[in-house]
Amino acid sequence: MSVGYILRRLGVFGLIVWVTATLNFIIPRLAPGDPIQAILGRLEAQGSKVENSEVLIAEYRRLFGLDDPLWLQYLKYLGAMARGDLGYSLAYFPTPVWDIISDALPYTLGLLIVSTLLSFALGIISGALLVWKGSPRAAQLFAPLMMILAPIPYYLLAILLLFLFAFTLRWFPHSGTASTGRIASGGFDIGYFLDTLYHSILPALSIILASVGGWAVGMRGMMVTIQGEDYLTLAEAKGLKNRRIFLRYAVRNAMLPQLTHLAISLGHVVSGATLVELIFGYPGLGYRLYQSITQADYTVMQGITFFLVLSVAGAVLLIDLLYPKLDPRITYARR
């Protein structure tokens, strides 16, 4: 891999981060209303009396720099992002945005990384078996069933699973991440971990059922294109076992385009499955992003979306740099 290619990819990465960070700054400010007035309005709606509200609003606007011209706010915003300073939450001042992200991130990563990887593995294997000669009949039935579920949005599956397994059969809890009254102790608490895992089954299942079919369809199409390739014929002529030919020669080559999709999917993991987290009351980043939008909390919105931009752009950059290692036929050197 040439140094020039690496530098070009890093340049594209920087350009993507700058453009999306700029949009991240502009879009929340296009929304009508003032975030500080919205916060005080919610306090008054709850029965709290706020005296000298005009003075308080002016002071908060000065504190957060909202009374500066937009170009100056933009320059301060870029400078803060370059230093990794996401500021303080408007709705939960003086809580830093990083604290809100770090509290929610483990829940989102634990839920979505596991469900994404399980969906990928099940979809790749079932889609490959769908067209492979001599595959088990169970695989022939499993993949079409998952393809039927694939067009259904994951949040509708979440509502269906919630109704069936939480409210009708009462096998699983309907919300939260731990049972009432359970608090994590210092260090690793196996009881709290298992309880959190138990509460995560339904949210993860809704994502897996909605995703496996898409992976299977893509893998089936790739497996069809490699049927009859010379390296498969050679492997059969060598007398290799059918399982080894399937895994080492067919699946390994057919799944390469799927890895780009997987990298982007993993990059999107940090954004959270917003609607699923909202339905199940799961305190991940998607749920926090929804709260920040409803509360007009600019800083939290900007922090979470900027974190998403970095993760997606970083995942795409990583897969671009790793592709020559995954497939020796690919080279970025100029001839």
Protein backbone atom coordinates (compact mmCIF):
# COMPACT_ATOMS: atom_id res chain seq x y z
CA MET A 1 0.00 0.00 0.00
CA SER A 2 1.46 3.34 -1.08
CA VAL A 3 2.02 6.27 1.26
CA GLY A 4 0.21 8.50 -1.21
CA TYR A 5 -2.95 6.44 -0.95
CA ILE A 6 -2.86 6.56 2.84
CA LEU A 7 -2.42 10.34 2.77
CA ARG A 8 -5.31 10.72 0.30
CA ARG A 9 -7.58 8.59 2.48
CA LEU A 10 -6.63 10.61 5.57
CA GLY A 11 -7.37 13.80 3.64
CA VAL A 12 -10.79 12.50 2.62
CA PHE A 13 -11.40 11.48 6.23
CA GLY A 14 -10.58 14.99 7.44
CA LEU A 15 -12.80 16.56 4.76
CA ILE A 16 -15.74 14.32 5.71
CA VAL A 17 -15.34 15.17 9.39
CA TRP A 18 -15.18 18.93 8.67
CA VAL A 19 -18.21 18.96 6.33
CA THR A 20 -20.38 16.89 8.65
CA ALA A 21 -19.25 18.87 11.69
CA THR A 22 -20.33 22.05 9.87
CA LEU A 23 -23.74 20.57 9.07
CA ASN A 24 -23.91 19.39 12.67
CA PHE A 25 -23.50 23.00 13.76
CA ILE A 26 -25.96 24.52 11.27
CA ILE A 27 -28.93 22.11 11.33
CA PRO A 28 -29.88 22.40 15.04
CA ARG A 29 -29.84 26.21 14.72
CA LEU A 30 -32.36 26.08 11.89
CA ALA A 31 -34.97 24.75 14.31
CA PRO A 32 -37.41 27.41 15.58
CA GLY A 33 -37.32 28.58 19.19
CA ASP A 34 -34.67 29.29 21.77
CA PRO A 35 -33.22 26.38 23.82
CA ILE A 36 -32.88 28.42 27.02
CA GLN A 37 -36.47 29.67 26.83
CA ALA A 38 -37.61 26.09 26.16
CA ILE A 39 -35.89 24.87 29.34
CA LEU A 40 -37.47 27.61 31.46
CA GLY A 41 -40.83 26.94 29.81
CA ARG A 42 -40.67 23.28 30.86
CA LEU A 43 -39.83 24.31 34.43
CA GLU A 44 -42.82 26.68 34.55
CA ALA A 45 -45.09 23.99 33.04
CA GLN A 46 -44.10 21.70 35.93
CA GLY A 47 -45.19 24.33 38.45
CA SER A 48 -41.80 25.91 39.17
CA LYS A 49 -41.73 29.69 39.36
CA VAL A 50 -38.74 31.32 37.67
CA GLU A 51 -38.18 34.91 38.75
CA ASN A 52 -36.27 37.40 36.60
CA SER A 53 -36.46 34.95 33.71
CA GLU A 54 -35.25 37.57 31.19
CA VAL A 55 -32.07 38.15 33.18
CA LEU A 56 -31.55 34.41 33.60
CA ILE A 57 -32.06 33.79 29.88
CA ALA A 58 -29.57 36.53 28.99
CA GLU A 59 -26.99 35.13 31.42
CA TYR A 60 -27.37 31.58 30.09
CA ARG A 61 -27.09 32.78 26.51
CA ARG A 62 -23.89 34.63 27.42
CA LEU A 63 -22.54 31.59 29.30
CA PHE A 64 -23.07 29.25 26.34
CA GLY A 65 -22.09 31.83 23.72
CA LEU A 66 -25.53 31.85 22.10
CA ASP A 67 -25.57 35.64 21.96
CA ASP A 68 -22.44 35.71 19.76
CA PRO A 69 -22.72 36.09 15.97
CA LEU A 70 -23.11 32.76 14.16
CA TRP A 71 -19.67 32.95 12.56
CA LEU A 72 -18.05 33.41 15.98
CA GLN A 73 -20.11 30.55 17.45
CA TYR A 74 -18.94 28.41 14.52
CA LEU A 75 -15.26 29.20 15.08
CA LYS A 76 -15.57 28.49 18.80
CA TYR A 77 -17.39 25.26 17.99
CA LEU A 78 -14.65 24.06 15.61
CA GLY A 79 -11.95 24.97 18.12
CA ALA A 80 -13.73 23.07 20.89
CA MET A 81 -14.25 20.02 18.67
CA ALA A 82 -10.57 20.02 17.71
CA ARG A 83 -9.69 19.90 21.43
CA GLY A 84 -12.26 17.18 22.11
CA ASP A 85 -14.27 19.57 24.28
CA LEU A 86 -17.99 18.92 23.78
CA GLY A 87 -19.06 21.46 26.39
CA TYR A 88 -21.90 21.21 28.92
CA SER A 89 -25.46 20.07 28.51
CA LEU A 90 -27.98 22.91 28.23
CA ALA A 91 -30.78 20.86 29.79
CA TYR A 92 -28.70 19.27 32.58
CA PHE A 93 -26.17 22.01 33.28
CA PRO A 94 -23.47 21.67 34.63
CA THR A 95 -23.24 18.05 33.44
CA PRO A 96 -20.53 17.71 30.72
CA VAL A 97 -21.67 16.22 27.41
CA TRP A 98 -18.88 13.64 27.66
CA ASP A 99 -20.42 12.34 30.90
CA ILE A 100 -23.80 11.83 29.20
CA ILE A 101 -22.12 10.03 26.28
CA SER A 102 -19.89 7.86 28.49
CA ASP A 103 -22.86 6.81 30.66
CA ALA A 104 -24.95 5.77 27.65
CA LEU A 105 -22.22 4.35 25.41
CA PRO A 106 -21.67 0.98 27.20
CA TYR A 107 -25.38 0.13 26.90
CA THR A 108 -25.47 0.99 23.20
CA LEU A 109 -22.23 -0.82 22.38
CA GLY A 110 -23.21 -3.89 24.37
CA LEU A 111 -26.60 -4.08 22.65
CA LEU A 112 -25.76 -3.15 19.07
CA ILE A 113 -22.30 -4.65 18.59
CA VAL A 114 -23.54 -8.06 19.74
CA SER A 115 -26.77 -7.87 17.72
CA THR A 116 -24.96 -6.57 14.59
CA LEU A 117 -22.28 -9.28 14.70
CA LEU A 118 -24.86 -12.01 15.34
CA SER A 119 -27.00 -10.71 12.46
CA PHE A 120 -23.95 -10.63 10.18
CA ALA A 121 -22.84 -14.17 11.08
CA LEU A 122 -26.32 -15.68 10.77
CA GLY A 123 -27.06 -13.82 7.54
CA ILE A 124 -23.74 -14.70 5.89
CA ILE A 125 -23.97 -18.41 6.72
CA SER A 126 -27.68 -18.78 5.91
CA GLY A 127 -27.37 -16.82 2.63
CA ALA A 128 -24.38 -18.91 1.55
CA LEU A 129 -26.08 -22.19 2.44
CA LEU A 130 -29.14 -21.13 0.46
CA VAL A 131 -27.32 -21.70 -2.86
CA TRP A 132 -24.64 -24.20 -1.82
CA LYS A 133 -25.15 -27.72 -3.07
CA GLY A 134 -25.71 -30.27 -0.34
CA SER A 135 -26.64 -27.71 2.32
CA PRO A 136 -28.94 -28.84 5.17
CA ARG A 137 -32.67 -28.51 4.58
CA ALA A 138 -33.02 -26.45 7.77
CA ALA A 139 -30.88 -23.73 6.17
CA GLN A 140 -33.14 -23.76 3.13
CA LEU A 141 -36.09 -22.95 5.40
CA PHE A 142 -34.36 -20.52 7.80
CA ALA A 143 -33.10 -18.01 5.22
CA PRO A 144 -36.46 -17.47 3.44
CA LEU A 145 -38.17 -16.94 6.80
CA MET A 146 -35.63 -14.25 7.69
CA MET A 147 -36.12 -12.66 4.27
CA ILE A 148 -39.84 -12.37 4.99
CA LEU A 149 -39.06 -10.47 8.21
CA ALA A 150 -36.40 -8.25 6.59
CA PRO A 151 -38.79 -5.64 5.07
CA ILE A 152 -40.47 -5.11 8.46
CA PRO A 153 -38.92 -2.12 10.29
CA TYR A 154 -37.11 -3.15 13.47
CA TYR A 155 -39.23 -0.85 15.63
CA LEU A 156 -42.42 -2.63 14.50
CA LEU A 157 -40.82 -5.95 15.37
CA ALA A 158 -39.88 -4.42 18.73
CA ILE A 159 -43.54 -3.54 19.41
CA LEU A 160 -44.64 -7.05 18.36
CA LEU A 161 -42.04 -8.74 20.58
CA LEU A 162 -42.94 -6.42 23.43
CA PHE A 163 -46.62 -7.30 23.18
CA LEU A 164 -46.02 -11.04 22.80
CA PHE A 165 -43.17 -11.81 25.21
CA ALA A 166 -43.41 -8.98 27.75
CA PHE A 167 -47.13 -8.27 28.18
CA THR A 168 -48.77 -11.53 27.03
CA LEU A 169 -46.40 -14.34 28.02
CA ARG A 170 -44.45 -12.21 30.56
CA TRP A 171 -41.21 -14.04 29.81
CA PHE A 172 -39.08 -10.89 29.56
CA PRO A 173 -39.17 -7.39 31.10
CA HIS A 174 -40.76 -4.61 29.06
CA SER A 175 -38.26 -1.80 29.77
CA GLY A 176 -35.11 -0.72 31.53
CA THR A 177 -31.73 -2.38 31.90
CA ALA A 178 -32.01 -3.91 35.39
CA SER A 179 -34.65 -5.08 37.82
CA THR A 180 -36.19 -2.60 40.23
CA GLY A 181 -33.98 -2.06 43.27
CA ARG A 182 -30.87 -3.67 41.78
CA ILE A 183 -27.81 -1.41 41.82
CA ALA A 184 -24.42 -2.29 40.37
CA SER A 185 -21.73 -2.69 43.01
CA GLY A 186 -18.14 -1.56 42.52
CA GLY A 187 -16.13 -3.58 40.03
CA PHE A 188 -17.59 -6.40 37.96
CA ASP A 189 -20.93 -7.56 39.33
CA ILE A 190 -21.95 -10.83 37.64
CA GLY A 191 -25.51 -10.56 38.97
CA TYR A 192 -26.00 -7.07 37.54
CA PHE A 193 -24.39 -8.14 34.24
CA LEU A 194 -26.75 -11.12 33.85
CA ASP A 195 -29.74 -8.95 34.76
CA THR A 196 -28.74 -6.38 32.13
CA LEU A 197 -28.25 -9.18 29.59
CA TYR A 198 -31.73 -10.50 30.41
CA HIS A 199 -33.25 -7.04 29.87
CA SER A 200 -31.40 -6.71 26.53
CA ILE A 201 -32.77 -9.88 24.91
CA LEU A 202 -35.92 -8.36 23.40
CA PRO A 203 -34.24 -5.18 22.04
CA ALA A 204 -31.44 -7.27 20.52
CA LEU A 205 -33.87 -9.82 19.08
CA SER A 206 -35.87 -7.11 17.30
CA ILE A 207 -32.69 -5.83 15.60
CA ILE A 208 -31.42 -9.32 14.71
CA LEU A 209 -34.72 -10.50 13.19
CA ALA A 210 -34.93 -7.35 11.06
CA SER A 211 -31.30 -7.54 9.87
CA VAL A 212 -30.52 -11.20 9.15
CA GLY A 213 -32.62 -11.27 5.97
CA GLY A 214 -30.76 -8.33 4.43
CA TRP A 215 -27.37 -9.93 5.08
CA ALA A 216 -28.66 -13.25 3.68
CA VAL A 217 -29.95 -11.67 0.45
CA GLY A 218 -26.63 -9.89 -0.16
CA MET A 219 -24.60 -13.03 0.56
CA ARG A 220 -26.83 -15.18 -1.64
CA GLY A 221 -26.21 -12.83 -4.57
CA MET A 222 -22.45 -12.93 -4.05
CA MET A 223 -22.43 -16.73 -3.75
CA VAL A 224 -24.24 -17.01 -7.08
CA THR A 225 -21.53 -14.96 -8.80
CA ILE A 226 -18.67 -17.20 -7.63
CA GLN A 227 -20.30 -20.52 -8.58
CA GLY A 228 -18.07 -22.29 -11.12
CA GLU A 229 -14.97 -20.17 -10.42
CA ASP A 230 -11.65 -21.83 -11.21
CA TYR A 231 -10.45 -21.88 -7.60
CA LEU A 232 -13.57 -23.80 -6.54
CA THR A 233 -13.09 -26.31 -9.35
CA LEU A 234 -9.43 -26.73 -8.37
CA ALA A 235 -10.33 -27.23 -4.70
CA GLU A 236 -12.82 -29.94 -5.67
CA ALA A 237 -10.24 -31.59 -7.94
CA LYS A 238 -7.81 -31.71 -5.02
CA GLY A 239 -10.34 -33.76 -3.12
CA LEU A 240 -10.81 -31.24 -0.29
CA LYS A 241 -13.72 -31.75 2.06
CA ASN A 242 -16.94 -29.99 1.12
CA ARG A 243 -17.02 -28.05 4.42
CA ARG A 244 -13.50 -26.69 3.86
CA ILE A 245 -14.32 -25.66 0.28
CA PHE A 246 -17.47 -23.93 1.51
CA LEU A 247 -15.81 -21.97 4.34
CA ARG A 248 -12.28 -21.33 3.07
CA TYR A 249 -12.92 -20.84 -0.64
CA ALA A 250 -16.55 -19.90 -1.26
CA VAL A 251 -17.64 -17.93 1.82
CA ARG A 252 -14.26 -16.24 2.30
CA ASN A 253 -14.31 -14.78 -1.21
CA ALA A 254 -18.02 -14.04 -1.45
CA MET A 255 -18.21 -12.15 1.85
CA LEU A 256 -15.59 -9.49 0.99
CA PRO A 257 -18.12 -6.90 -0.32
CA GLN A 258 -20.20 -7.53 2.80
CA LEU A 259 -17.30 -6.42 5.01
CA THR A 260 -17.68 -2.82 3.83
CA HIS A 261 -21.34 -2.90 4.80
CA LEU A 262 -20.37 -4.44 8.16
CA ALA A 263 -17.81 -1.70 8.82
CA ILE A 264 -20.39 1.02 8.10
CA SER A 265 -22.96 -0.80 10.27
CA LEU A 266 -20.50 -1.00 13.15
CA GLY A 267 -19.72 2.68 12.66
CA HIS A 268 -23.44 3.43 13.05
CA VAL A 269 -23.53 1.41 16.27
CA VAL A 270 -22.64 4.41 18.44
CA SER A 271 -25.72 6.30 17.26
CA GLY A 272 -27.92 3.70 18.89
CA ALA A 273 -31.11 2.15 17.58
CA THR A 274 -33.10 5.20 18.61
CA LEU A 275 -36.64 3.86 18.20
CA VAL A 276 -35.84 0.49 19.77
CA GLU A 277 -34.17 2.17 22.73
CA LEU A 278 -37.13 4.51 23.05
CA ILE A 279 -39.68 1.67 22.93
CA PHE A 280 -37.86 -0.38 25.56
CA GLY A 281 -36.74 2.58 27.69
CA TYR A 282 -33.14 1.51 27.08
CA PRO A 283 -30.73 4.29 28.19
CA GLY A 284 -28.35 4.15 25.23
CA LEU A 285 -27.06 6.89 22.97
CA GLY A 286 -30.12 6.72 20.70
CA TYR A 287 -32.39 7.39 23.65
CA ARG A 288 -30.17 10.26 24.82
CA LEU A 289 -30.18 11.72 21.32
CA TYR A 290 -33.98 11.63 21.28
CA GLN A 291 -34.08 13.39 24.65
CA SER A 292 -31.68 16.09 23.47
CA ILE A 293 -33.82 16.75 20.38
CA THR A 294 -37.03 17.09 22.39
CA GLN A 295 -35.27 19.37 24.89
CA ALA A 296 -33.48 21.47 22.22
CA ASP A 297 -30.19 20.58 23.92
CA TYR A 298 -27.81 21.77 21.19
CA THR A 299 -24.59 20.65 22.86
CA VAL A 300 -25.70 17.07 23.49
CA MET A 301 -27.12 16.79 19.94
CA GLN A 302 -23.85 18.07 18.50
CA GLY A 303 -21.75 15.83 20.73
CA ILE A 304 -23.59 12.61 19.92
CA THR A 305 -23.86 13.27 16.16
CA PHE A 306 -20.19 14.33 15.96
CA PHE A 307 -19.28 11.11 17.77
CA LEU A 308 -21.33 9.23 15.16
CA VAL A 309 -19.54 11.02 12.31
CA LEU A 310 -16.13 10.07 13.70
CA SER A 311 -17.14 6.44 14.18
CA VAL A 312 -18.60 5.97 10.68
CA ALA A 313 -15.76 7.82 8.91
CA GLY A 314 -13.19 5.94 11.01
CA ALA A 315 -14.80 2.58 10.21
CA VAL A 316 -14.79 3.29 6.46
CA LEU A 317 -11.15 4.47 6.63
CA LEU A 318 -10.16 1.33 8.53
CA ILE A 319 -11.84 -1.04 6.07
CA ASP A 320 -10.20 0.79 3.13
CA LEU A 321 -6.78 0.29 4.70
CA LEU A 322 -7.46 -3.35 5.61
CA TYR A 323 -8.88 -4.49 2.27
CA PRO A 324 -5.46 -5.37 0.76
CA LYS A 325 -4.82 -7.61 3.78
CA LEU A 326 -8.24 -9.27 3.49
CA ASP A 327 -7.95 -9.84 -0.26
CA PRO A 328 -4.40 -10.09 -1.70
CA ARG A 329 -5.81 -9.48 -5.20
CA ILE A 330 -6.52 -5.86 -4.27
CA THR A 331 -3.71 -3.34 -4.56
CA TYR A 332 -3.67 0.44 -4.39
CA ALA A 333 -0.23 0.91 -5.90
CA ARG A 334 -0.06 2.74 -9.22
CA ARG A 335 1.37 0.68 -12.06
